Amino acid sequence: MKALLYEFSLPRLAFARIAGLFSLRGFLTKLGPIRLKEFPKPKIKADDWIVVKTKYCGICGSDHKQIFLDGNRDNPMTALISWPQILGHEAVGIVEKVGSKTKLKVGDRIALNPWISCLPRGIETVCKACRIGKNTLCRNFTKGFLSPGVHAGNSSDATGGFAEFFPAHESMAIPIPEDITWDQALLSDPFSVAFHSILKVNIKPKAICAVYGCGNLGLLTILILKKIFEDVQVIAISRFPHQTAMARVFGADLVIDSSPPNRVIEKIADYVDCDLYYFKQKKPWLIEGVDFLFDTVASPETFETGIRVVKARNKNSESYIPDSGTIVVTGVSSPKRFEWTPWYFKEINIIGSNAFSIEEFEGIREHSYYHYFRFLQEGRLDPTPMITHKFALKEYKKAFLTTRAQKKYKSIKVAFSYTNDEELNTR
């Protein structure tokens, strides 16, 4: 089978870094860390594992950040992963082979639940996080019979969907209902990331929420807030015109250009009708402002702007869950100094939100993918307009460049397609 190999090699990383100074294509040179290679098909790893023929695999922000070498070498997450890697965790496909102890059948359509926690690792006495369905916080990501890795694609053993086939434990294979399209299933993972982040806070009717960034996670956050929750006002902070247009399609009440930050703060103050506080010509800030901000970028600039526009924290007197004054962070960027005085002054709560798991919503406790499928079946939303590009795996350089150069290509969700259907490259 054909697959994209990513190698952690200092010479390859250094070459890509230098070549990337001249053009984005420099990061994708054959002498860099990623290249297309021929591999044997994956084998059944245990009786409760399967092999899946890939149909589509989305390119996540974490994938292209790794490929374009965004981030720090001292990132502690590297202690939980292994190389070489075949990336790609937003995968859907058709079951090709099954182990003797699985309930799945050859031909079943599945969406990959990528977490390689206790059960996939063959650990019989599961950790406390996995026992309650929070396998994204598993304590055993470096143990068991698999090499270290948090999810499919960042373990050298549990390869991902940037290949024609990928392996999966039965707990990682979520059956796709017959009335759910492939495009809808393709968005199961990023939808669930956004949904999980919203459930971190107590969204009530009349709440005013801001969403920083209108890429995949930002647009899905807007869609969920407007279509699943009752009477929520959403302010979107967007970087590119095509993102602004999609934010409006998904229901945003106000869309603000992300630059300059001063103007973002002023427009939010005008929308919520609250006082602005200035210090000479520096950035203004608000004591009132939005109830919640979902930061899908998490750069120093978005952090600093976020703590300036979120209102002072107000706790629910019964549950002590904040009713306002909270920032939920799903984005990942390199750290840098910023002015954070409003953080402690307003007692703002900043919450990290990692991926998804078992979620309780509307009285139903189940895996996030099943909530998503239910919303689709009930006709409450459809996020597929945000799928803008599909490429064959051999076109991986063009796919990654399209993902990276969002303004040039008007890209939002970019995916690899392992099919000859007419949709390929038509969007």
Protein backbone atom coordinates (compact mmCIF):
# COMPACT_ATOMS: atom_id res chain seq x y z
CA MET A 1 0.00 0.00 0.00
CA LYS A 2 1.01 3.65 -0.40
CA ALA A 3 1.44 5.75 2.72
CA LEU A 4 3.01 9.00 3.88
CA LEU A 5 5.94 8.33 6.22
CA TYR A 6 6.98 10.95 8.76
CA GLU A 7 10.45 10.41 10.26
CA PHE A 8 11.86 12.23 13.26
CA SER A 9 15.41 12.74 12.01
CA LEU A 10 17.45 15.79 12.96
CA PRO A 11 19.14 16.06 9.53
CA ARG A 12 15.75 15.78 7.77
CA LEU A 13 14.13 18.29 10.11
CA ALA A 14 17.04 20.71 9.69
CA PHE A 15 16.95 20.41 5.91
CA ALA A 16 13.19 21.08 5.82
CA ARG A 17 13.57 24.02 8.19
CA ILE A 18 16.22 25.65 5.99
CA ALA A 19 14.43 24.86 2.71
CA GLY A 20 11.20 26.17 4.21
CA LEU A 21 12.76 29.60 4.62
CA PHE A 22 12.58 29.98 0.84
CA SER A 23 9.11 28.54 0.17
CA LEU A 24 6.43 26.37 1.74
CA ARG A 25 7.35 23.61 -0.70
CA GLY A 26 10.71 23.41 1.03
CA PHE A 27 9.05 21.69 3.99
CA LEU A 28 7.84 18.95 1.65
CA THR A 29 11.12 18.05 -0.02
CA LYS A 30 12.02 14.35 -0.23
CA LEU A 31 15.00 15.11 1.99
CA GLY A 32 12.64 16.36 4.70
CA PRO A 33 10.75 14.32 7.30
CA ILE A 34 7.70 13.37 5.16
CA ARG A 35 7.54 11.42 1.92
CA LEU A 36 5.34 8.94 0.04
CA LYS A 37 6.45 5.32 0.27
CA GLU A 38 5.27 1.79 -0.43
CA PHE A 39 4.47 -0.30 2.68
CA PRO A 40 3.00 -3.73 3.42
CA LYS A 41 -0.67 -3.65 4.41
CA PRO A 42 -1.17 -3.57 8.20
CA LYS A 43 -1.89 -6.88 9.91
CA ILE A 44 -4.41 -7.80 12.58
CA LYS A 45 -2.59 -6.85 15.79
CA ALA A 46 -4.75 -8.92 18.16
CA ASP A 47 -8.03 -10.87 18.11
CA ASP A 48 -10.00 -7.69 18.90
CA TRP A 49 -8.38 -5.60 16.16
CA ILE A 50 -9.41 -4.96 12.55
CA VAL A 51 -7.89 -3.56 9.35
CA VAL A 52 -9.75 -0.79 7.52
CA LYS A 53 -9.56 0.31 3.89
CA THR A 54 -9.43 4.11 4.01
CA LYS A 55 -12.16 6.05 2.22
CA TYR A 56 -11.29 9.58 3.35
CA CYS A 57 -8.95 11.14 5.89
CA GLY A 58 -9.12 14.77 6.91
CA ILE A 59 -6.00 16.85 7.48
CA CYS A 60 -6.11 18.15 11.04
CA GLY A 61 -4.46 21.37 12.16
CA SER A 62 -2.08 19.31 14.29
CA ASP A 63 -1.02 17.37 11.17
CA HIS A 64 -0.07 20.37 9.11
CA LYS A 65 1.54 22.13 12.09
CA GLN A 66 3.81 19.09 12.47
CA ILE A 67 4.57 18.98 8.75
CA PHE A 68 5.39 22.68 8.59
CA LEU A 69 7.42 22.44 11.82
CA ASP A 70 5.31 24.75 13.97
CA GLY A 71 6.05 24.24 17.64
CA ASN A 72 8.85 23.79 20.13
CA ARG A 73 11.21 20.84 20.42
CA ASP A 74 10.71 20.76 24.20
CA ASN A 75 6.96 20.11 23.87
CA PRO A 76 6.23 17.56 26.63
CA MET A 77 3.76 15.72 24.37
CA THR A 78 6.74 14.17 22.62
CA ALA A 79 7.17 11.95 25.69
CA LEU A 80 3.90 10.21 24.71
CA ILE A 81 4.52 9.52 21.02
CA SER A 82 6.86 7.47 18.84
CA TRP A 83 8.38 7.50 15.35
CA PRO A 84 8.34 6.82 12.46
CA GLN A 85 4.70 7.77 11.94
CA ILE A 86 1.97 7.51 9.38
CA LEU A 87 -0.20 10.46 10.38
CA GLY A 88 -3.95 10.91 9.95
CA HIS A 89 -6.52 10.48 12.71
CA GLU A 90 -9.65 11.92 11.02
CA ALA A 91 -10.25 8.74 9.03
CA VAL A 92 -13.29 6.88 7.77
CA GLY A 93 -13.32 3.65 5.82
CA ILE A 94 -14.60 0.13 5.18
CA VAL A 95 -13.62 -2.87 7.29
CA GLU A 96 -11.26 -5.09 5.27
CA LYS A 97 -10.23 -7.74 7.83
CA VAL A 98 -11.45 -8.64 11.31
CA GLY A 99 -9.96 -10.40 14.32
CA SER A 100 -11.67 -13.48 15.72
CA LYS A 101 -13.11 -11.65 18.75
CA THR A 102 -14.67 -8.61 17.09
CA LYS A 103 -18.35 -7.96 16.47
CA LEU A 104 -17.59 -5.94 13.35
CA LYS A 105 -17.93 -7.49 9.91
CA VAL A 106 -16.04 -7.14 6.66
CA GLY A 107 -17.74 -4.40 4.66
CA ASP A 108 -18.91 -2.34 7.66
CA ARG A 109 -18.45 1.41 7.34
CA ILE A 110 -16.63 2.91 10.33
CA ALA A 111 -15.36 6.26 11.61
CA LEU A 112 -12.06 6.11 13.46
CA ASN A 113 -12.16 6.96 17.17
CA PRO A 114 -8.39 7.46 17.24
CA TRP A 115 -7.48 7.14 20.94
CA ILE A 116 -5.06 4.29 21.67
CA SER A 117 -5.72 4.08 25.38
CA CYS A 118 -5.98 1.07 27.72
CA LEU A 119 -8.18 -1.32 25.72
CA PRO A 120 -6.35 -0.97 22.37
CA ARG A 121 -3.09 -1.50 24.26
CA GLY A 122 -4.26 -4.82 25.70
CA ILE A 123 -4.28 -3.52 29.27
CA GLU A 124 -6.90 -5.54 31.18
CA THR A 125 -6.99 -3.43 34.37
CA VAL A 126 -7.92 -0.12 32.81
CA CYS A 127 -6.92 3.20 34.36
CA LYS A 128 -9.32 5.47 36.26
CA ALA A 129 -9.79 7.80 33.28
CA CYS A 130 -10.71 5.01 30.87
CA ARG A 131 -13.10 3.50 33.44
CA ILE A 132 -15.31 6.58 33.23
CA GLY A 133 -15.02 6.98 29.46
CA LYS A 134 -12.40 9.76 29.49
CA ASN A 135 -9.82 7.86 27.45
CA THR A 136 -8.19 11.08 26.19
CA LEU A 137 -6.71 11.31 29.71
CA CYS A 138 -5.55 7.69 29.78
CA ARG A 139 -2.60 7.01 32.10
CA ASN A 140 -1.16 4.27 29.88
CA PHE A 141 -0.29 5.93 26.57
CA THR A 142 3.26 4.56 26.78
CA LYS A 143 2.36 1.04 28.01
CA GLY A 144 0.91 -2.21 26.72
CA PHE A 145 1.92 -3.96 23.51
CA LEU A 146 1.82 -0.82 21.35
CA SER A 147 4.58 1.74 21.03
CA PRO A 148 3.97 5.12 22.74
CA GLY A 149 1.24 7.22 21.19
CA VAL A 150 -1.82 9.21 22.20
CA HIS A 151 -3.87 8.49 19.10
CA ALA A 152 -3.67 6.74 15.76
CA GLY A 153 -1.04 8.42 13.63
CA ASN A 154 1.42 9.37 16.38
CA SER A 155 2.37 5.84 17.36
CA SER A 156 4.73 3.86 15.15
CA ASP A 157 2.48 0.81 15.66
CA ALA A 158 -1.00 2.34 15.37
CA THR A 159 -0.65 3.95 11.96
CA GLY A 160 -3.15 6.49 10.68
CA GLY A 161 -5.24 7.39 7.67
CA PHE A 162 -2.56 8.96 5.49
CA ALA A 163 -2.36 5.48 4.00
CA GLU A 164 -4.60 3.22 1.93
CA PHE A 165 -5.23 0.95 4.96
CA PHE A 166 -5.01 1.43 8.73
CA PRO A 167 -5.38 -0.85 11.78
CA ALA A 168 -7.83 -0.22 14.62
CA HIS A 169 -8.98 -1.82 17.83
CA GLU A 170 -12.73 -2.56 17.81
CA SER A 171 -13.27 0.23 20.38
CA MET A 172 -11.71 2.61 17.87
CA ALA A 173 -14.14 1.70 15.09
CA ILE A 174 -17.46 3.53 15.39
CA PRO A 175 -20.08 2.11 12.97
CA ILE A 176 -21.50 4.73 10.60
CA PRO A 177 -25.32 4.61 10.30
CA GLU A 178 -26.67 3.91 6.82
CA ASP A 179 -28.30 7.35 6.50
CA ILE A 180 -25.05 9.21 7.27
CA THR A 181 -23.01 10.20 4.22
CA TRP A 182 -19.26 9.75 3.92
CA ASP A 183 -18.75 13.52 3.98
CA GLN A 184 -20.76 13.81 7.18
CA ALA A 185 -18.83 10.95 8.78
CA LEU A 186 -15.54 12.53 7.76
CA LEU A 187 -16.25 15.42 10.14
CA SER A 188 -17.00 13.19 13.17
CA ASP A 189 -13.64 13.86 14.80
CA PRO A 190 -13.40 17.67 14.46
CA PHE A 191 -17.11 18.06 15.24
CA SER A 192 -16.60 16.09 18.45
CA VAL A 193 -13.59 18.21 19.43
CA ALA A 194 -15.72 21.35 19.14
CA PHE A 195 -18.69 19.75 20.92
CA HIS A 196 -16.49 18.60 23.81
CA SER A 197 -15.14 22.13 24.26
CA ILE A 198 -18.62 23.65 24.50
CA LEU A 199 -19.68 21.12 27.14
CA LYS A 200 -16.87 22.43 29.36
CA VAL A 201 -19.06 25.40 30.30
CA ASN A 202 -22.66 26.11 31.25
CA ILE A 203 -24.25 27.64 28.16
CA LYS A 204 -27.61 29.21 28.99
CA PRO A 205 -30.14 31.00 26.77
CA LYS A 206 -29.17 34.62 26.08
CA ALA A 207 -25.45 33.84 26.56
CA ILE A 208 -23.06 35.80 24.37
CA CYS A 209 -20.17 33.67 23.08
CA ALA A 210 -17.15 34.67 21.02
CA VAL A 211 -15.31 32.20 18.80
CA TYR A 212 -11.72 33.14 18.01
CA GLY A 213 -10.68 31.67 14.67
CA CYS A 214 -12.89 30.43 11.84
CA GLY A 215 -10.99 27.40 10.68
CA ASN A 216 -12.35 23.88 11.19
CA LEU A 217 -12.86 24.00 14.94
CA GLY A 218 -14.06 27.58 15.02
CA LEU A 219 -16.71 27.07 12.35
CA LEU A 220 -17.93 23.87 13.96
CA THR A 221 -18.11 25.64 17.33
CA ILE A 222 -20.24 28.38 15.75
CA LEU A 223 -22.51 25.80 14.11
CA ILE A 224 -23.07 23.85 17.33
CA LEU A 225 -23.74 26.96 19.42
CA LYS A 226 -26.30 28.25 16.91
CA LYS A 227 -28.03 24.99 15.97
CA ILE A 228 -27.88 22.82 19.12
CA PHE A 229 -28.14 25.38 21.93
CA GLU A 230 -31.09 27.68 22.54
CA ASP A 231 -30.96 31.42 21.87
CA VAL A 232 -27.18 31.90 22.01
CA GLN A 233 -25.53 34.93 20.41
CA VAL A 234 -22.25 34.20 18.65
CA ILE A 235 -19.51 36.64 17.71
CA ALA A 236 -17.00 35.14 15.26
CA ILE A 237 -13.47 36.53 14.94
CA SER A 238 -12.25 35.67 11.46
CA ARG A 239 -9.01 36.09 9.56
CA PHE A 240 -9.96 35.51 5.90
CA PRO A 241 -12.95 36.57 3.76
CA HIS A 242 -13.97 33.00 2.85
CA GLN A 243 -13.99 32.10 6.55
CA THR A 244 -16.16 35.13 7.24
CA ALA A 245 -18.63 33.99 4.59
CA MET A 246 -18.82 30.46 6.05
CA ALA A 247 -19.22 31.81 9.60
CA ARG A 248 -22.27 33.70 8.39
CA VAL A 249 -23.64 30.60 6.65
CA PHE A 250 -23.24 28.71 9.94
CA GLY A 251 -25.21 31.38 11.79
CA ALA A 252 -22.77 33.81 13.44
CA ASP A 253 -24.59 36.96 14.61
CA LEU A 254 -21.54 39.17 14.15
CA VAL A 255 -18.27 38.50 12.33
CA ILE A 256 -15.24 40.66 13.14
CA ASP A 257 -11.96 40.79 11.26
CA SER A 258 -9.19 39.52 13.54
CA SER A 259 -6.84 42.40 12.74
CA PRO A 260 -6.11 44.72 14.41
CA PRO A 261 -6.87 43.38 17.92
CA ASN A 262 -7.82 46.87 19.15
CA ARG A 263 -10.67 46.93 16.67
CA VAL A 264 -11.83 43.46 17.79
CA ILE A 265 -12.12 44.73 21.37
CA GLU A 266 -13.89 47.93 20.33
CA LYS A 267 -16.45 46.10 18.16
CA ILE A 268 -17.23 43.60 20.92
CA ALA A 269 -17.71 46.46 23.39
CA ASP A 270 -20.08 48.11 20.94
CA TYR A 271 -22.03 44.86 20.40
CA VAL A 272 -22.52 44.09 24.10
CA ASP A 273 -22.88 47.80 24.95
CA CYS A 274 -20.27 48.05 27.71
CA ASP A 275 -17.51 50.45 28.77
CA LEU A 276 -14.06 50.46 27.17
CA TYR A 277 -10.98 51.16 29.28
CA TYR A 278 -7.92 52.68 27.59
CA PHE A 279 -4.40 53.38 28.76
CA LYS A 280 -2.95 55.98 26.41
CA GLN A 281 -2.69 54.37 22.96
CA LYS A 282 -2.43 50.82 24.22
CA LYS A 283 -5.01 48.08 23.70
CA PRO A 284 -8.32 48.70 25.46
CA TRP A 285 -10.03 46.18 27.68
CA LEU A 286 -13.47 45.41 29.10
CA ILE A 287 -14.74 44.43 32.55
CA GLU A 288 -18.03 43.42 31.02
CA GLY A 289 -17.91 41.71 27.62
CA VAL A 290 -18.78 38.23 26.32
CA ASP A 291 -19.78 35.41 28.66
CA PHE A 292 -17.57 32.76 27.06
CA LEU A 293 -14.80 32.75 24.50
CA PHE A 294 -13.73 29.66 22.56
CA ASP A 295 -10.14 30.13 21.43
CA THR A 296 -9.41 27.77 18.52
CA VAL A 297 -6.11 29.52 17.74
CA ALA A 298 -4.44 29.96 21.15
CA SER A 299 -1.70 32.28 19.98
CA PRO A 300 -0.30 34.90 22.37
CA GLU A 301 -2.34 37.53 20.49
CA THR A 302 -5.63 35.63 20.79
CA PHE A 303 -4.98 34.85 24.46
CA GLU A 304 -4.30 38.50 25.25
CA THR A 305 -7.31 39.73 23.28
CA GLY A 306 -9.49 37.01 24.79
CA ILE A 307 -8.81 37.96 28.41
CA ARG A 308 -9.54 41.58 27.52
CA VAL A 309 -13.00 40.86 26.03
CA VAL A 310 -14.36 38.17 28.40
CA LYS A 311 -16.44 39.57 31.25
CA ALA A 312 -15.49 39.13 34.89
CA ARG A 313 -16.30 35.68 36.20
CA ASN A 314 -19.69 34.98 37.73
CA LYS A 315 -20.20 31.63 39.51
CA ASN A 316 -23.49 29.80 39.72
CA SER A 317 -24.41 29.89 43.41
CA GLU A 318 -25.71 26.31 43.34
CA SER A 319 -23.30 24.40 41.10
CA TYR A 320 -20.27 26.73 41.33
CA ILE A 321 -19.80 26.19 37.60
CA PRO A 322 -18.91 29.53 36.01
CA ASP A 323 -21.84 31.16 34.20
CA SER A 324 -19.50 33.64 32.56
CA GLY A 325 -15.90 34.80 32.48
CA THR A 326 -14.45 31.64 30.94
CA ILE A 327 -12.12 30.98 28.00
CA VAL A 328 -12.04 27.46 26.56
CA VAL A 329 -8.87 26.67 24.60
CA THR A 330 -8.79 24.10 21.80
CA GLY A 331 -6.07 25.67 19.64
CA VAL A 332 -2.36 24.94 19.86
CA SER A 333 0.34 27.56 19.22
CA SER A 334 3.85 28.28 20.41
CA PRO A 335 4.05 30.26 23.68
CA LYS A 336 5.21 33.85 23.92
CA ARG A 337 4.92 36.67 26.45
CA PHE A 338 1.67 38.65 26.56
CA GLU A 339 0.05 41.09 28.99
CA TRP A 340 -2.19 39.01 31.26
CA THR A 341 -3.28 41.42 33.99
CA PRO A 342 -7.02 41.13 33.07
CA TRP A 343 -6.79 37.37 33.68
CA TYR A 344 -6.36 37.66 37.45
CA PHE A 345 -8.19 40.97 37.85
CA LYS A 346 -11.44 39.59 36.37
CA GLU A 347 -10.84 36.09 37.83
CA ILE A 348 -11.19 34.61 34.36
CA ASN A 349 -11.30 30.84 34.15
CA ILE A 350 -9.11 29.41 31.34
CA ILE A 351 -9.90 25.77 30.51
CA GLY A 352 -7.98 23.48 28.20
CA SER A 353 -10.15 21.19 26.07
CA ASN A 354 -8.57 18.07 24.63
CA ALA A 355 -10.34 16.14 21.88
CA PHE A 356 -13.51 14.23 22.91
CA SER A 357 -14.80 11.17 24.74
CA ILE A 358 -18.02 9.90 26.32
CA GLU A 359 -20.27 12.94 26.69
CA GLU A 360 -23.53 13.50 28.56
CA PHE A 361 -25.96 15.79 26.76
CA GLU A 362 -29.75 16.12 26.68
CA GLY A 363 -30.01 13.25 29.15
CA ILE A 364 -28.03 10.88 26.91
CA ARG A 365 -24.59 9.56 27.84
CA GLU A 366 -22.69 8.15 24.87
CA HIS A 367 -19.64 8.63 22.70
CA SER A 368 -19.51 12.03 21.04
CA TYR A 369 -19.74 10.50 17.54
CA TYR A 370 -23.18 9.10 18.40
CA HIS A 371 -24.38 12.52 19.56
CA TYR A 372 -23.17 13.89 16.22
CA PHE A 373 -24.91 11.19 14.21
CA ARG A 374 -28.13 11.85 16.15
CA PHE A 375 -27.98 15.57 15.41
CA LEU A 376 -27.54 14.76 11.71
CA GLN A 377 -30.41 12.30 11.67
CA GLU A 378 -32.69 14.79 13.41
CA GLY A 379 -31.84 17.41 10.79
CA ARG A 380 -30.50 19.84 13.36
CA LEU A 381 -27.31 20.66 11.46
CA ASP A 382 -25.05 19.68 8.59
CA PRO A 383 -21.43 20.87 8.60
CA THR A 384 -20.42 19.43 5.20
CA PRO A 385 -20.31 22.80 3.35
CA MET A 386 -16.98 23.39 5.09
CA ILE A 387 -15.33 20.52 3.16
CA THR A 388 -13.60 22.51 0.43
CA HIS A 389 -10.93 20.23 -1.09
CA LYS A 390 -10.15 16.53 -1.60
CA PHE A 391 -6.91 15.14 -3.01
CA ALA A 392 -5.50 11.76 -3.93
CA LEU A 393 -2.65 10.70 -1.63
CA LYS A 394 -0.12 11.11 -4.46
CA GLU A 395 -1.07 14.80 -4.47
CA TYR A 396 -0.02 15.18 -0.84
CA LYS A 397 2.21 18.20 -1.46
CA LYS A 398 -0.64 20.10 -3.08
CA ALA A 399 -2.98 19.00 -0.29
CA PHE A 400 -0.71 20.30 2.46
CA LEU A 401 -0.01 23.55 0.62
CA THR A 402 -3.76 24.05 0.16
CA THR A 403 -4.31 23.45 3.86
CA ARG A 404 -1.56 25.89 4.80
CA ALA A 405 -2.26 28.70 2.34
CA GLN A 406 -5.88 29.16 3.39
CA LYS A 407 -6.30 32.64 1.96
CA LYS A 408 -4.89 31.73 -1.45
CA TYR A 409 -6.91 28.53 -1.91
CA LYS A 410 -9.97 29.49 0.20
CA SER A 411 -9.54 26.22 2.03
CA ILE A 412 -11.28 25.08 5.19
CA LYS A 413 -11.44 21.29 5.54
CA VAL A 414 -9.01 19.51 3.25
CA ALA A 415 -9.01 15.71 3.00
CA PHE A 416 -7.31 12.82 1.28
CA SER A 417 -9.60 10.69 -0.85
CA TYR A 418 -8.97 7.03 -1.64
CA THR A 419 -11.73 6.80 -4.23
CA ASN A 420 -12.26 7.64 -7.87
CA ASP A 421 -15.62 9.32 -7.27
CA GLU A 422 -16.51 12.45 -9.16
CA GLU A 423 -16.25 14.66 -6.07
CA LEU A 424 -12.47 14.55 -6.09
CA ASN A 425 -10.97 18.02 -6.65
CA THR A 426 -14.30 19.48 -7.73
CA ARG A 427 -14.74 21.71 -4.69
